[in-house]
Amino acid sequence: MNIVVRKEEAKDYRRTEEVAREAFWNLYFPGAAEHYVVHKMRSHPDFIQELAFVIEVDGTVEGAIFYTHSKVVTPDGEFPTISFGPVLISPNITVRDWVES
């Protein structure tokens, strides 16, 4: 098994959203919305394109992680941070797949 982590490219968008839908389908509630979150997040000003990564397994996108600018608000002020998510792995990939590669 050949595993590659690389920056997400526009050609990956559809597959990444498909994997997001599959990964979260019926996980927390019926259906899933994470694929739509990924789709909308890319056009948000807080999205960090340079930190959008996909995981290719044997040439097919099977996972991804995304980062956005965020902040912590306290009585003392606002503190800039970076948040990650969603993090997704295709349900077709098992731990055994990773260990044996």
Protein backbone atom coordinates (compact mmCIF):
# COMPACT_ATOMS: atom_id res chain seq x y z
CA MET A 1 0.00 0.00 0.00
CA ASN A 2 1.38 3.39 -1.07
CA ILE A 3 0.35 6.28 1.24
CA VAL A 4 1.05 9.91 0.35
CA VAL A 5 0.10 13.04 2.32
CA ARG A 6 0.03 16.16 0.16
CA LYS A 7 -1.68 19.53 -0.20
CA GLU A 8 -5.23 19.42 -1.49
CA GLU A 9 -5.68 20.57 -5.08
CA ALA A 10 -8.83 21.70 -6.90
CA LYS A 11 -8.92 18.36 -8.72
CA ASP A 12 -9.40 16.67 -5.30
CA TYR A 13 -12.45 18.65 -4.16
CA ARG A 14 -15.18 16.29 -5.33
CA ARG A 15 -13.44 13.16 -4.05
CA THR A 16 -12.60 14.81 -0.72
CA GLU A 17 -16.25 15.78 -0.23
CA GLU A 18 -17.35 12.25 -1.14
CA VAL A 19 -14.99 10.79 1.47
CA ALA A 20 -16.25 13.33 4.03
CA ARG A 21 -19.83 12.26 3.39
CA GLU A 22 -18.93 8.56 3.62
CA ALA A 23 -16.84 9.02 6.76
CA PHE A 24 -19.57 10.85 8.69
CA TRP A 25 -22.68 9.20 7.23
CA ASN A 26 -25.09 8.36 10.08
CA LEU A 27 -22.28 8.80 12.63
CA TYR A 28 -23.84 11.46 14.89
CA PHE A 29 -27.30 11.80 13.32
CA PRO A 30 -29.07 10.45 10.23
CA GLY A 31 -27.23 11.54 7.09
CA ALA A 32 -24.22 13.85 7.16
CA ALA A 33 -23.37 17.51 6.67
CA GLU A 34 -19.57 17.48 6.91
CA HIS A 35 -19.12 17.22 3.14
CA TYR A 36 -21.07 20.46 2.78
CA VAL A 37 -19.01 22.07 5.55
CA VAL A 38 -15.83 21.19 3.64
CA HIS A 39 -17.32 22.59 0.44
CA LYS A 40 -18.34 25.91 2.04
CA MET A 41 -15.23 26.20 4.23
CA ARG A 42 -12.91 26.49 1.22
CA SER A 43 -14.41 29.87 0.28
CA HIS A 44 -14.42 31.29 3.81
CA PRO A 45 -11.82 33.98 4.59
CA ASP A 46 -10.63 32.04 7.67
CA PHE A 47 -9.80 28.93 5.63
CA ILE A 48 -6.05 28.25 5.39
CA GLN A 49 -5.51 26.75 1.94
CA GLU A 50 -1.83 26.11 2.64
CA LEU A 51 -2.87 23.75 5.46
CA ALA A 52 -5.45 21.70 3.53
CA PHE A 53 -4.05 18.19 3.17
CA VAL A 54 -5.30 14.97 1.62
CA ILE A 55 -4.18 11.40 2.16
CA GLU A 56 -3.80 9.35 -0.98
CA VAL A 57 -3.83 5.58 -0.70
CA ASP A 58 -2.63 3.88 -3.86
CA GLY A 59 -3.38 7.06 -5.84
CA THR A 60 -6.91 7.65 -4.50
CA VAL A 61 -7.85 10.34 -1.96
CA GLU A 62 -9.01 8.48 1.16
CA GLY A 63 -8.67 11.16 3.84
CA ALA A 64 -8.13 14.82 4.58
CA ILE A 65 -7.57 17.45 7.25
CA PHE A 66 -8.35 21.16 7.12
CA TYR A 67 -7.32 24.19 9.19
CA THR A 68 -8.94 27.57 9.78
CA HIS A 69 -8.08 30.75 11.62
CA SER A 70 -9.98 31.03 14.88
CA LYS A 71 -9.78 32.90 18.16
CA VAL A 72 -10.26 32.42 21.87
CA VAL A 73 -12.30 35.19 23.47
CA THR A 74 -11.79 35.90 27.16
CA PRO A 75 -12.58 38.85 29.43
CA ASP A 76 -8.96 39.92 28.82
CA GLY A 77 -9.31 40.04 25.05
CA GLU A 78 -9.16 37.95 21.92
CA PHE A 79 -6.29 35.57 21.17
CA PRO A 80 -5.74 34.32 17.62
CA THR A 81 -5.52 30.56 17.18
CA ILE A 82 -5.71 27.94 14.45
CA SER A 83 -8.32 25.17 14.56
CA PHE A 84 -8.36 21.92 12.63
CA GLY A 85 -11.22 19.90 11.30
CA PRO A 86 -12.93 18.18 9.96
CA VAL A 87 -10.49 15.30 9.91
CA LEU A 88 -11.72 12.44 7.79
CA ILE A 89 -10.68 8.96 6.74
CA SER A 90 -12.64 6.78 4.37
CA PRO A 91 -14.55 4.03 6.21
CA ASN A 92 -13.07 1.66 3.61
CA ILE A 93 -9.61 2.11 5.17
CA THR A 94 -8.93 0.08 8.30
CA VAL A 95 -6.25 0.29 10.96
CA ARG A 96 -4.87 -2.97 9.63
CA ASP A 97 -4.42 -1.28 6.23
CA TRP A 98 -2.23 1.41 7.83
CA VAL A 99 -0.20 -0.97 9.98
CA GLU A 100 0.49 -3.44 7.20
CA SER A 101 1.66 -0.82 4.72
